[in-house]
Amino acid sequence: MMRALLIGSCVMIEDVMSPRLILRHLEPACLQACLRGDVVAAALSLGSRLADDWLRETDLMAMRLADMAEDPAYAPWSVRALLRRDDLAMVGHINFHTVPGHPYLNGYGDVELGYAVYPAFRRQGYAREALLAMAGWAAEQGGVSRLVLSIAPDNAPSQALAAQLGFAKVGQIRDEDGCEDVLTADWPLSGACV
C-alpha cells in the first residue's frame, strides 16, 4: 500500500530513505517552478537547493508533469531528487518511467527505473544506493518483482553497476535516446538487505 501524507488539500509523497540519501518526490509545484525559472520557489518546495544539472533537465520535468496530470496514481513513481542526508546537496535524480505493468515494457518486467548522478558526485556509490532503495520501495509498496533498466551499450559505469546488482541483458531497443540494452533483474537485487 502506498503511503502519503495529506496536508490540507495537498498529498505529500513520503521520502524514501537510504543510509546516505533522502529520495524526495519532486512535487508538481516544484517541477512547475523549475520550468518557470523560479528557483527560489522550487527550492522551498523541495526543502533543498536544486542542482544546476537538474535545472537543465527541462524535458524530463515537463514529461513527468504531464505523466502525473494524465494519471495521478503515477505520482509516487515519478521523479525524486537524490538528496545527501548530511547537507541536503542534490546529487542526482531517479524515477520509474511508469506505474507497474505498463504495456510498453513488452513483458520484460514490472517497472523500469531511470536515474542520473551528477558529474561532481559520481563514483561514490550514490547510484547503487538509490537503485537499491527505490527497487526495495517498489517491491514493498507496489508488489514489483522484476525490474528493468535501459542503458546505452557504451555507458560502462552503468553497465557495470547493473551487472553487480544482478541485471542481465534480455534485449536491445532504439528510442529517442538511441540504442539501449534492456536489462532485467528479479527482486531482491544482489546486495539488497531484505
N, C-alpha and C. Protein backbone atom coordinates (compact mmCIF):
# COMPACT_ATOMS: atom_id res chain seq x y z
N MET A 1 0.83 -1.18 0.00
CA MET A 1 0.00 0.00 0.00
C MET A 1 0.88 1.25 0.00
N MET A 2 0.55 2.22 -0.85
CA MET A 2 1.30 3.47 -0.93
C MET A 2 1.01 4.30 0.32
N ARG A 3 2.06 4.95 0.81
CA ARG A 3 1.89 5.84 1.95
C ARG A 3 2.10 7.27 1.47
N ALA A 4 1.20 8.14 1.85
CA ALA A 4 1.31 9.55 1.53
C ALA A 4 0.70 10.32 2.69
N LEU A 5 1.12 11.54 2.84
CA LEU A 5 0.58 12.40 3.89
C LEU A 5 -0.37 13.39 3.24
N LEU A 6 -1.52 13.59 3.84
CA LEU A 6 -2.47 14.58 3.35
C LEU A 6 -2.32 15.82 4.22
N ILE A 7 -1.88 16.91 3.60
CA ILE A 7 -1.72 18.18 4.30
C ILE A 7 -2.61 19.19 3.59
N GLY A 8 -3.68 19.59 4.23
CA GLY A 8 -4.67 20.44 3.57
C GLY A 8 -5.26 19.67 2.41
N SER A 9 -5.21 20.25 1.23
CA SER A 9 -5.70 19.56 0.03
C SER A 9 -4.56 18.99 -0.80
N CYS A 10 -3.36 19.03 -0.26
CA CYS A 10 -2.17 18.58 -0.99
C CYS A 10 -1.70 17.23 -0.44
N VAL A 11 -1.45 16.30 -1.32
CA VAL A 11 -0.92 14.99 -0.92
C VAL A 11 0.59 15.06 -1.01
N MET A 12 1.26 14.75 0.07
CA MET A 12 2.73 14.76 0.11
C MET A 12 3.21 13.30 0.05
N ILE A 13 4.02 13.00 -0.92
CA ILE A 13 4.57 11.66 -1.08
C ILE A 13 5.72 11.50 -0.09
N GLU A 14 5.70 10.41 0.68
CA GLU A 14 6.75 10.20 1.68
C GLU A 14 8.11 9.99 1.04
N ASP A 15 9.15 10.47 1.73
CA ASP A 15 10.53 10.25 1.31
C ASP A 15 10.86 8.76 1.40
N VAL A 16 11.78 8.33 0.55
CA VAL A 16 12.40 7.01 0.67
C VAL A 16 13.79 7.27 1.24
N MET A 17 14.14 6.56 2.29
CA MET A 17 15.41 6.80 2.97
C MET A 17 16.38 5.66 2.68
N SER A 18 17.65 6.02 2.55
CA SER A 18 18.73 5.04 2.46
C SER A 18 19.82 5.52 3.40
N PRO A 19 20.89 4.75 3.58
CA PRO A 19 21.88 5.16 4.57
C PRO A 19 22.43 6.59 4.40
N ARG A 20 22.69 7.01 3.16
CA ARG A 20 23.26 8.34 2.95
C ARG A 20 22.36 9.30 2.19
N LEU A 21 21.21 8.81 1.72
CA LEU A 21 20.37 9.63 0.85
C LEU A 21 18.93 9.73 1.34
N ILE A 22 18.31 10.84 0.97
CA ILE A 22 16.87 11.02 1.06
C ILE A 22 16.40 11.10 -0.39
N LEU A 23 15.47 10.22 -0.77
CA LEU A 23 14.92 10.23 -2.12
C LEU A 23 13.56 10.92 -2.03
N ARG A 24 13.55 12.20 -2.38
CA ARG A 24 12.38 13.05 -2.17
C ARG A 24 11.65 13.31 -3.48
N HIS A 25 10.35 13.04 -3.44
CA HIS A 25 9.49 13.27 -4.60
C HIS A 25 9.53 14.74 -5.01
N LEU A 26 9.71 14.97 -6.31
CA LEU A 26 9.64 16.32 -6.86
C LEU A 26 8.18 16.60 -7.21
N GLU A 27 7.51 17.28 -6.32
CA GLU A 27 6.08 17.57 -6.45
C GLU A 27 5.81 18.39 -7.71
N PRO A 28 4.59 18.32 -8.25
CA PRO A 28 4.25 19.14 -9.41
C PRO A 28 4.56 20.62 -9.22
N ALA A 29 4.30 21.17 -8.03
CA ALA A 29 4.58 22.58 -7.79
C ALA A 29 6.07 22.89 -7.95
N CYS A 30 6.91 21.97 -7.51
CA CYS A 30 8.35 22.14 -7.65
C CYS A 30 8.75 22.10 -9.12
N LEU A 31 8.23 21.11 -9.86
CA LEU A 31 8.55 20.99 -11.28
C LEU A 31 8.06 22.21 -12.06
N GLN A 32 6.86 22.69 -11.74
CA GLN A 32 6.33 23.88 -12.41
C GLN A 32 7.21 25.10 -12.13
N ALA A 33 7.64 25.25 -10.88
CA ALA A 33 8.51 26.37 -10.53
C ALA A 33 9.84 26.29 -11.28
N CYS A 34 10.38 25.09 -11.38
CA CYS A 34 11.63 24.91 -12.14
C CYS A 34 11.44 25.33 -13.59
N LEU A 35 10.35 24.89 -14.19
CA LEU A 35 10.10 25.21 -15.59
C LEU A 35 9.86 26.70 -15.81
N ARG A 36 9.34 27.40 -14.79
CA ARG A 36 9.15 28.86 -14.88
C ARG A 36 10.45 29.61 -14.62
N GLY A 37 11.46 28.89 -14.14
CA GLY A 37 12.72 29.54 -13.77
C GLY A 37 12.69 30.14 -12.38
N ASP A 38 11.69 29.79 -11.58
CA ASP A 38 11.56 30.30 -10.22
C ASP A 38 12.28 29.33 -9.27
N VAL A 39 13.59 29.48 -9.23
CA VAL A 39 14.44 28.56 -8.46
C VAL A 39 14.17 28.67 -6.96
N VAL A 40 13.83 29.86 -6.49
CA VAL A 40 13.56 30.05 -5.06
C VAL A 40 12.32 29.26 -4.65
N ALA A 41 11.24 29.39 -5.41
CA ALA A 41 10.01 28.65 -5.10
C ALA A 41 10.24 27.15 -5.20
N ALA A 42 11.01 26.72 -6.21
CA ALA A 42 11.30 25.29 -6.37
C ALA A 42 12.09 24.78 -5.18
N ALA A 43 13.09 25.52 -4.74
CA ALA A 43 13.90 25.11 -3.59
C ALA A 43 13.06 25.04 -2.32
N LEU A 44 12.15 25.99 -2.14
CA LEU A 44 11.26 25.96 -0.97
C LEU A 44 10.37 24.74 -1.01
N SER A 45 9.86 24.39 -2.18
CA SER A 45 9.01 23.21 -2.32
C SER A 45 9.77 21.93 -2.01
N LEU A 46 11.02 21.85 -2.48
CA LEU A 46 11.84 20.65 -2.27
C LEU A 46 12.43 20.60 -0.87
N GLY A 47 12.69 21.77 -0.29
CA GLY A 47 13.36 21.82 1.00
C GLY A 47 14.87 21.73 0.86
N SER A 48 15.36 22.06 -0.32
CA SER A 48 16.78 21.98 -0.61
C SER A 48 17.08 22.81 -1.85
N ARG A 49 18.33 23.24 -1.97
CA ARG A 49 18.77 23.91 -3.19
C ARG A 49 18.78 22.90 -4.32
N LEU A 50 18.33 23.32 -5.50
CA LEU A 50 18.33 22.43 -6.66
C LEU A 50 19.67 22.50 -7.38
N ALA A 51 20.13 21.35 -7.85
CA ALA A 51 21.40 21.29 -8.57
C ALA A 51 21.26 21.95 -9.93
N ASP A 52 22.31 22.62 -10.36
CA ASP A 52 22.31 23.22 -11.70
C ASP A 52 22.08 22.16 -12.76
N ASP A 53 22.64 20.96 -12.56
CA ASP A 53 22.44 19.87 -13.52
C ASP A 53 20.95 19.53 -13.64
N TRP A 54 20.22 19.54 -12.53
CA TRP A 54 18.79 19.26 -12.57
C TRP A 54 18.05 20.35 -13.34
N LEU A 55 18.41 21.59 -13.13
CA LEU A 55 17.69 22.70 -13.76
C LEU A 55 17.79 22.67 -15.28
N ARG A 56 18.73 21.90 -15.82
CA ARG A 56 18.84 21.74 -17.28
C ARG A 56 17.97 20.59 -17.80
N GLU A 57 17.33 19.84 -16.93
CA GLU A 57 16.52 18.67 -17.30
C GLU A 57 15.06 19.06 -17.60
N THR A 58 14.86 20.13 -18.36
CA THR A 58 13.51 20.64 -18.58
C THR A 58 12.62 19.67 -19.33
N ASP A 59 13.17 18.90 -20.27
CA ASP A 59 12.34 17.92 -20.98
C ASP A 59 11.79 16.87 -20.03
N LEU A 60 12.65 16.38 -19.12
CA LEU A 60 12.21 15.39 -18.14
C LEU A 60 11.17 15.99 -17.20
N MET A 61 11.40 17.22 -16.75
CA MET A 61 10.43 17.87 -15.86
C MET A 61 9.06 17.95 -16.53
N ALA A 62 9.03 18.43 -17.77
CA ALA A 62 7.76 18.57 -18.49
C ALA A 62 7.09 17.22 -18.71
N MET A 63 7.88 16.19 -19.04
CA MET A 63 7.32 14.86 -19.27
C MET A 63 6.70 14.31 -17.99
N ARG A 64 7.40 14.41 -16.87
CA ARG A 64 6.88 13.86 -15.63
C ARG A 64 5.67 14.65 -15.13
N LEU A 65 5.66 15.96 -15.34
CA LEU A 65 4.46 16.75 -15.00
C LEU A 65 3.27 16.26 -15.80
N ALA A 66 3.46 16.05 -17.10
CA ALA A 66 2.37 15.56 -17.96
C ALA A 66 1.93 14.17 -17.52
N ASP A 67 2.89 13.32 -17.17
CA ASP A 67 2.56 11.96 -16.72
C ASP A 67 1.69 12.00 -15.46
N MET A 68 2.04 12.87 -14.51
CA MET A 68 1.26 12.95 -13.27
C MET A 68 -0.12 13.57 -13.51
N ALA A 69 -0.21 14.51 -14.46
CA ALA A 69 -1.51 15.11 -14.78
C ALA A 69 -2.42 14.07 -15.45
N GLU A 70 -1.84 13.24 -16.31
CA GLU A 70 -2.61 12.22 -17.01
C GLU A 70 -3.07 11.10 -16.07
N ASP A 71 -2.20 10.73 -15.13
CA ASP A 71 -2.51 9.63 -14.22
C ASP A 71 -1.99 9.98 -12.82
N PRO A 72 -2.84 10.56 -11.97
CA PRO A 72 -2.40 10.95 -10.63
C PRO A 72 -1.81 9.79 -9.82
N ALA A 73 -2.18 8.54 -10.12
CA ALA A 73 -1.62 7.39 -9.41
C ALA A 73 -0.13 7.21 -9.71
N TYR A 74 0.35 7.85 -10.76
CA TYR A 74 1.77 7.76 -11.11
C TYR A 74 2.66 8.57 -10.15
N ALA A 75 2.10 9.56 -9.47
CA ALA A 75 2.91 10.49 -8.67
C ALA A 75 3.96 9.81 -7.78
N PRO A 76 3.63 8.80 -6.97
CA PRO A 76 4.68 8.21 -6.12
C PRO A 76 5.80 7.55 -6.91
N TRP A 77 5.54 7.20 -8.16
CA TRP A 77 6.53 6.52 -9.00
C TRP A 77 7.35 7.52 -9.81
N SER A 78 6.96 8.78 -9.76
CA SER A 78 7.60 9.81 -10.57
C SER A 78 8.97 10.20 -10.02
N VAL A 79 9.51 11.24 -10.56
CA VAL A 79 10.91 11.62 -10.30
C VAL A 79 11.12 12.09 -8.86
N ARG A 80 12.26 11.65 -8.32
CA ARG A 80 12.68 12.01 -6.97
C ARG A 80 14.10 12.58 -7.02
N ALA A 81 14.33 13.57 -6.19
CA ALA A 81 15.67 14.12 -6.02
C ALA A 81 16.46 13.20 -5.11
N LEU A 82 17.72 13.00 -5.42
CA LEU A 82 18.64 12.30 -4.53
C LEU A 82 19.32 13.36 -3.68
N LEU A 83 18.93 13.45 -2.43
CA LEU A 83 19.49 14.45 -1.52
C LEU A 83 20.42 13.76 -0.53
N ARG A 84 21.64 14.27 -0.45
CA ARG A 84 22.58 13.72 0.51
C ARG A 84 22.12 14.11 1.91
N ARG A 85 22.02 13.13 2.80
CA ARG A 85 21.46 13.36 4.14
C ARG A 85 22.24 14.40 4.94
N ASP A 86 23.57 14.39 4.84
CA ASP A 86 24.35 15.23 5.74
C ASP A 86 24.29 16.72 5.41
N ASP A 87 24.02 17.08 4.15
CA ASP A 87 23.97 18.51 3.80
C ASP A 87 22.85 18.87 2.82
N LEU A 88 22.01 17.90 2.47
CA LEU A 88 20.89 18.06 1.54
C LEU A 88 21.31 18.49 0.14
N ALA A 89 22.57 18.25 -0.22
CA ALA A 89 23.01 18.53 -1.59
C ALA A 89 22.26 17.59 -2.53
N MET A 90 21.76 18.12 -3.64
CA MET A 90 21.08 17.31 -4.65
C MET A 90 22.15 16.69 -5.54
N VAL A 91 22.33 15.37 -5.42
CA VAL A 91 23.41 14.68 -6.12
C VAL A 91 22.94 14.00 -7.41
N GLY A 92 21.61 13.94 -7.61
CA GLY A 92 21.08 13.31 -8.81
C GLY A 92 19.58 13.18 -8.71
N HIS A 93 19.01 12.33 -9.57
CA HIS A 93 17.57 12.07 -9.54
C HIS A 93 17.31 10.64 -10.00
N ILE A 94 16.14 10.13 -9.65
CA ILE A 94 15.75 8.77 -10.00
C ILE A 94 14.23 8.75 -10.20
N ASN A 95 13.77 7.86 -11.07
CA ASN A 95 12.32 7.74 -11.28
C ASN A 95 11.99 6.43 -11.95
N PHE A 96 10.74 6.05 -11.81
CA PHE A 96 10.19 4.96 -12.59
C PHE A 96 9.53 5.59 -13.80
N HIS A 97 9.66 4.95 -14.94
CA HIS A 97 9.12 5.53 -16.17
C HIS A 97 7.60 5.51 -16.20
N THR A 98 6.99 4.54 -15.50
CA THR A 98 5.53 4.39 -15.45
C THR A 98 5.16 3.72 -14.14
N VAL A 99 3.87 3.54 -13.95
CA VAL A 99 3.41 2.67 -12.87
C VAL A 99 3.70 1.23 -13.29
N PRO A 100 3.71 0.29 -12.35
CA PRO A 100 3.98 -1.11 -12.71
C PRO A 100 2.99 -1.66 -13.73
N GLY A 101 3.50 -2.54 -14.59
CA GLY A 101 2.66 -3.27 -15.52
C GLY A 101 2.31 -2.55 -16.81
N HIS A 102 2.97 -1.45 -17.12
CA HIS A 102 2.65 -0.70 -18.33
C HIS A 102 2.97 -1.54 -19.57
N PRO A 103 2.08 -1.51 -20.58
CA PRO A 103 2.29 -2.34 -21.78
C PRO A 103 3.59 -2.07 -22.53
N TYR A 104 4.15 -0.85 -22.45
CA TYR A 104 5.37 -0.56 -23.21
C TYR A 104 6.55 -1.46 -22.80
N LEU A 105 6.46 -2.06 -21.62
CA LEU A 105 7.55 -2.92 -21.16
C LEU A 105 7.62 -4.25 -21.91
N ASN A 106 6.60 -4.55 -22.70
CA ASN A 106 6.60 -5.76 -23.55
C ASN A 106 6.92 -7.04 -22.79
N GLY A 107 6.48 -7.10 -21.54
CA GLY A 107 6.69 -8.31 -20.76
C GLY A 107 8.09 -8.48 -20.18
N TYR A 108 8.97 -7.49 -20.39
CA TYR A 108 10.33 -7.59 -19.85
C TYR A 108 10.34 -7.57 -18.33
N GLY A 109 9.42 -6.83 -17.72
CA GLY A 109 9.40 -6.72 -16.27
C GLY A 109 8.22 -5.91 -15.82
N ASP A 110 8.19 -5.61 -14.52
CA ASP A 110 7.07 -4.89 -13.92
C ASP A 110 7.19 -3.37 -14.08
N VAL A 111 8.40 -2.85 -13.95
CA VAL A 111 8.60 -1.40 -13.96
C VAL A 111 10.05 -1.09 -14.33
N GLU A 112 10.24 0.05 -15.02
CA GLU A 112 11.58 0.47 -15.45
C GLU A 112 12.04 1.67 -14.63
N LEU A 113 13.27 1.60 -14.20
CA LEU A 113 13.92 2.68 -13.45
C LEU A 113 14.83 3.48 -14.37
N GLY A 114 14.89 4.78 -14.13
CA GLY A 114 15.87 5.64 -14.78
C GLY A 114 16.51 6.50 -13.71
N TYR A 115 17.78 6.84 -13.88
CA TYR A 115 18.47 7.61 -12.85
C TYR A 115 19.61 8.40 -13.46
N ALA A 116 20.06 9.40 -12.73
CA ALA A 116 21.26 10.17 -13.09
C ALA A 116 21.92 10.61 -11.79
N VAL A 117 23.22 10.47 -11.75
CA VAL A 117 24.03 11.06 -10.69
C VAL A 117 24.87 12.13 -11.38
N TYR A 118 24.85 13.33 -10.84
CA TYR A 118 25.51 14.46 -11.48
C TYR A 118 27.04 14.31 -11.39
N PRO A 119 27.76 14.83 -12.39
CA PRO A 119 29.21 14.57 -12.52
C PRO A 119 30.03 14.77 -11.24
N ALA A 120 29.76 15.80 -10.49
CA ALA A 120 30.57 16.07 -9.29
C ALA A 120 30.39 15.01 -8.20
N PHE A 121 29.36 14.17 -8.33
CA PHE A 121 29.03 13.21 -7.28
C PHE A 121 29.18 11.75 -7.73
N ARG A 122 29.68 11.54 -8.92
CA ARG A 122 29.79 10.18 -9.44
C ARG A 122 30.92 9.42 -8.76
N ARG A 123 30.85 8.07 -8.90
CA ARG A 123 31.87 7.15 -8.39
C ARG A 123 31.96 7.17 -6.87
N GLN A 124 30.81 7.46 -6.21
CA GLN A 124 30.75 7.47 -4.75
C GLN A 124 29.67 6.52 -4.23
N GLY A 125 29.08 5.72 -5.12
CA GLY A 125 28.09 4.74 -4.71
C GLY A 125 26.67 5.24 -4.59
N TYR A 126 26.41 6.48 -5.00
CA TYR A 126 25.06 7.03 -4.86
C TYR A 126 24.06 6.33 -5.79
N ALA A 127 24.46 6.02 -7.01
CA ALA A 127 23.54 5.35 -7.94
C ALA A 127 23.13 3.98 -7.38
N ARG A 128 24.09 3.22 -6.91
CA ARG A 128 23.81 1.90 -6.32
C ARG A 128 22.84 2.02 -5.15
N GLU A 129 23.14 2.95 -4.26
CA GLU A 129 22.31 3.13 -3.07
C GLU A 129 20.88 3.55 -3.45
N ALA A 130 20.75 4.46 -4.40
CA ALA A 130 19.42 4.92 -4.83
C ALA A 130 18.65 3.80 -5.53
N LEU A 131 19.32 3.06 -6.41
CA LEU A 131 18.66 1.95 -7.10
C LEU A 131 18.17 0.90 -6.11
N LEU A 132 18.99 0.53 -5.15
CA LEU A 132 18.57 -0.46 -4.15
C LEU A 132 17.39 0.05 -3.32
N ALA A 133 17.44 1.33 -2.94
CA ALA A 133 16.36 1.89 -2.13
C ALA A 133 15.04 1.94 -2.91
N MET A 134 15.09 2.40 -4.15
CA MET A 134 13.85 2.51 -4.93
C MET A 134 13.33 1.14 -5.35
N ALA A 135 14.22 0.21 -5.66
CA ALA A 135 13.77 -1.15 -6.00
C ALA A 135 13.09 -1.78 -4.79
N GLY A 136 13.65 -1.60 -3.61
CA GLY A 136 13.03 -2.12 -2.40
C GLY A 136 11.68 -1.48 -2.13
N TRP A 137 11.61 -0.17 -2.36
CA TRP A 137 10.34 0.55 -2.19
C TRP A 137 9.29 -0.01 -3.16
N ALA A 138 9.69 -0.23 -4.42
CA ALA A 138 8.76 -0.74 -5.43
C ALA A 138 8.26 -2.14 -5.07
N ALA A 139 9.15 -2.97 -4.54
CA ALA A 139 8.75 -4.32 -4.14
C ALA A 139 7.77 -4.25 -2.97
N GLU A 140 8.08 -3.41 -1.99
CA GLU A 140 7.24 -3.31 -0.79
C GLU A 140 5.92 -2.61 -1.06
N GLN A 141 5.96 -1.51 -1.77
CA GLN A 141 4.76 -0.69 -1.96
C GLN A 141 3.91 -1.11 -3.16
N GLY A 142 4.56 -1.65 -4.20
CA GLY A 142 3.83 -1.95 -5.42
C GLY A 142 3.85 -3.39 -5.85
N GLY A 143 4.43 -4.26 -5.02
CA GLY A 143 4.47 -5.68 -5.38
C GLY A 143 5.33 -6.01 -6.58
N VAL A 144 6.27 -5.14 -6.89
CA VAL A 144 7.15 -5.34 -8.05
C VAL A 144 8.13 -6.47 -7.76
N SER A 145 8.27 -7.37 -8.74
CA SER A 145 9.25 -8.45 -8.57
C SER A 145 10.34 -8.42 -9.63
N ARG A 146 10.06 -7.89 -10.81
CA ARG A 146 11.08 -7.82 -11.88
C ARG A 146 11.26 -6.37 -12.30
N LEU A 147 12.51 -5.93 -12.25
CA LEU A 147 12.89 -4.56 -12.57
C LEU A 147 13.58 -4.50 -13.92
N VAL A 148 13.45 -3.36 -14.58
CA VAL A 148 14.02 -3.15 -15.91
C VAL A 148 14.89 -1.90 -15.89
N LEU A 149 16.04 -1.98 -16.55
CA LEU A 149 16.89 -0.83 -16.83
C LEU A 149 17.15 -0.81 -18.33
N SER A 150 17.25 0.38 -18.91
CA SER A 150 17.68 0.54 -20.31
C SER A 150 18.93 1.39 -20.28
N ILE A 151 20.04 0.83 -20.75
CA ILE A 151 21.34 1.50 -20.63
C ILE A 151 22.06 1.46 -21.97
N ALA A 152 22.63 2.58 -22.36
CA ALA A 152 23.42 2.63 -23.60
C ALA A 152 24.57 1.63 -23.49
N PRO A 153 24.84 0.90 -24.58
CA PRO A 153 25.91 -0.11 -24.53
C PRO A 153 27.27 0.46 -24.15
N ASP A 154 27.52 1.74 -24.46
CA ASP A 154 28.83 2.34 -24.17
C ASP A 154 28.88 3.04 -22.81
N ASN A 155 27.82 2.94 -22.01
CA ASN A 155 27.81 3.53 -20.68
C ASN A 155 28.39 2.50 -19.70
N ALA A 156 29.71 2.39 -19.72
CA ALA A 156 30.40 1.35 -18.94
C ALA A 156 30.09 1.41 -17.43
N PRO A 157 30.08 2.59 -16.79
CA PRO A 157 29.79 2.60 -15.35
C PRO A 157 28.40 2.07 -15.02
N SER A 158 27.37 2.47 -15.78
CA SER A 158 26.01 1.97 -15.51
C SER A 158 25.87 0.50 -15.86
N GLN A 159 26.53 0.08 -16.93
CA GLN A 159 26.50 -1.35 -17.29
C GLN A 159 27.13 -2.18 -16.17
N ALA A 160 28.25 -1.71 -15.63
CA ALA A 160 28.93 -2.44 -14.55
C ALA A 160 28.08 -2.48 -13.29
N LEU A 161 27.45 -1.35 -12.96
CA LEU A 161 26.58 -1.32 -11.78
C LEU A 161 25.41 -2.29 -11.95
N ALA A 162 24.80 -2.28 -13.13
CA ALA A 162 23.68 -3.19 -13.39
C ALA A 162 24.12 -4.64 -13.20
N ALA A 163 25.28 -4.99 -13.72
CA ALA A 163 25.78 -6.36 -13.57
C ALA A 163 26.01 -6.70 -12.09
N GLN A 164 26.58 -5.77 -11.33
CA GLN A 164 26.81 -6.01 -9.90
C GLN A 164 25.50 -6.25 -9.15
N LEU A 165 24.43 -5.60 -9.60
CA LEU A 165 23.13 -5.74 -8.94
C LEU A 165 22.34 -6.95 -9.44
N GLY A 166 22.89 -7.68 -10.41
CA GLY A 166 22.25 -8.89 -10.90
C GLY A 166 21.41 -8.72 -12.15
N PHE A 167 21.50 -7.56 -12.81
CA PHE A 167 20.76 -7.35 -14.05
C PHE A 167 21.46 -8.07 -15.19
N ALA A 168 20.68 -8.62 -16.11
CA ALA A 168 21.20 -9.32 -17.29
C ALA A 168 20.50 -8.78 -18.53
N LYS A 169 21.25 -8.70 -19.61
CA LYS A 169 20.71 -8.20 -20.87
C LYS A 169 19.71 -9.21 -21.44
N VAL A 170 18.51 -8.68 -21.81
CA VAL A 170 17.47 -9.53 -22.39
C VAL A 170 17.03 -9.02 -23.76
N GLY A 171 17.56 -7.89 -24.17
CA GLY A 171 17.17 -7.33 -25.46
C GLY A 171 17.87 -6.02 -25.72
N GLN A 172 17.49 -5.40 -26.83
CA GLN A 172 18.04 -4.10 -27.19
C GLN A 172 16.94 -3.31 -27.90
N ILE A 173 16.88 -2.02 -27.62
CA ILE A 173 15.88 -1.16 -28.23
C ILE A 173 16.54 0.07 -28.82
N ARG A 174 15.82 0.73 -29.71
CA ARG A 174 16.25 2.02 -30.23
C ARG A 174 15.10 2.98 -29.99
N ASP A 175 15.38 4.06 -29.25
CA ASP A 175 14.36 5.07 -28.99
C ASP A 175 14.97 6.46 -29.13
N GLU A 176 14.31 7.47 -28.56
CA GLU A 176 14.81 8.85 -28.68
C GLU A 176 16.20 9.02 -28.08
N ASP A 177 16.61 8.14 -27.18
CA ASP A 177 17.94 8.20 -26.58
C ASP A 177 18.98 7.44 -27.40
N GLY A 178 18.57 6.79 -28.49
CA GLY A 178 19.49 5.99 -29.30
C GLY A 178 19.34 4.52 -28.94
N CYS A 179 20.39 3.76 -29.21
CA CYS A 179 20.39 2.32 -28.94
C CYS A 179 20.65 2.09 -27.46
N GLU A 180 19.83 1.24 -26.84
CA GLU A 180 19.99 0.91 -25.43
C GLU A 180 19.79 -0.58 -25.21
N ASP A 181 20.61 -1.14 -24.32
CA ASP A 181 20.42 -2.52 -23.88
C ASP A 181 19.29 -2.54 -22.86
N VAL A 182 18.43 -3.54 -22.96
CA VAL A 182 17.37 -3.75 -21.98
C VAL A 182 17.87 -4.83 -21.03
N LEU A 183 17.90 -4.51 -19.73
CA LEU A 183 18.39 -5.43 -18.71
C LEU A 183 17.30 -5.65 -17.67
N THR A 184 17.21 -6.85 -17.15
CA THR A 184 16.22 -7.14 -16.11
C THR A 184 16.88 -7.86 -14.94
N ALA A 185 16.24 -7.72 -13.79
CA ALA A 185 16.67 -8.45 -12.59
C ALA A 185 15.45 -8.63 -11.70
N ASP A 186 15.45 -9.73 -10.97
CA ASP A 186 14.38 -10.00 -10.02
C ASP A 186 14.76 -9.47 -8.64
N TRP A 187 13.74 -9.00 -7.93
CA TRP A 187 13.93 -8.57 -6.54
C TRP A 187 13.98 -9.80 -5.65
N PRO A 188 14.85 -9.88 -4.68
CA PRO A 188 15.79 -8.84 -4.27
C PRO A 188 17.03 -8.81 -5.16
N LEU A 189 17.51 -7.60 -5.40
CA LEU A 189 18.73 -7.42 -6.19
C LEU A 189 19.93 -7.87 -5.37
N SER A 190 20.99 -8.22 -6.07
CA SER A 190 22.24 -8.58 -5.42
C SER A 190 22.71 -7.39 -4.57
N GLY A 191 22.98 -7.64 -3.32
CA GLY A 191 23.44 -6.57 -2.42
C GLY A 191 22.33 -5.92 -1.63
N ALA A 192 21.07 -6.30 -1.89
CA ALA A 192 19.95 -5.72 -1.15
C ALA A 192 19.84 -6.35 0.23
N CYS A 193 19.49 -5.55 1.20
CA CYS A 193 19.21 -6.04 2.55
C CYS A 193 17.71 -6.17 2.67
N VAL A 194 17.23 -7.41 2.74
CA VAL A 194 15.77 -7.61 2.86
C VAL A 194 15.43 -8.37 4.12
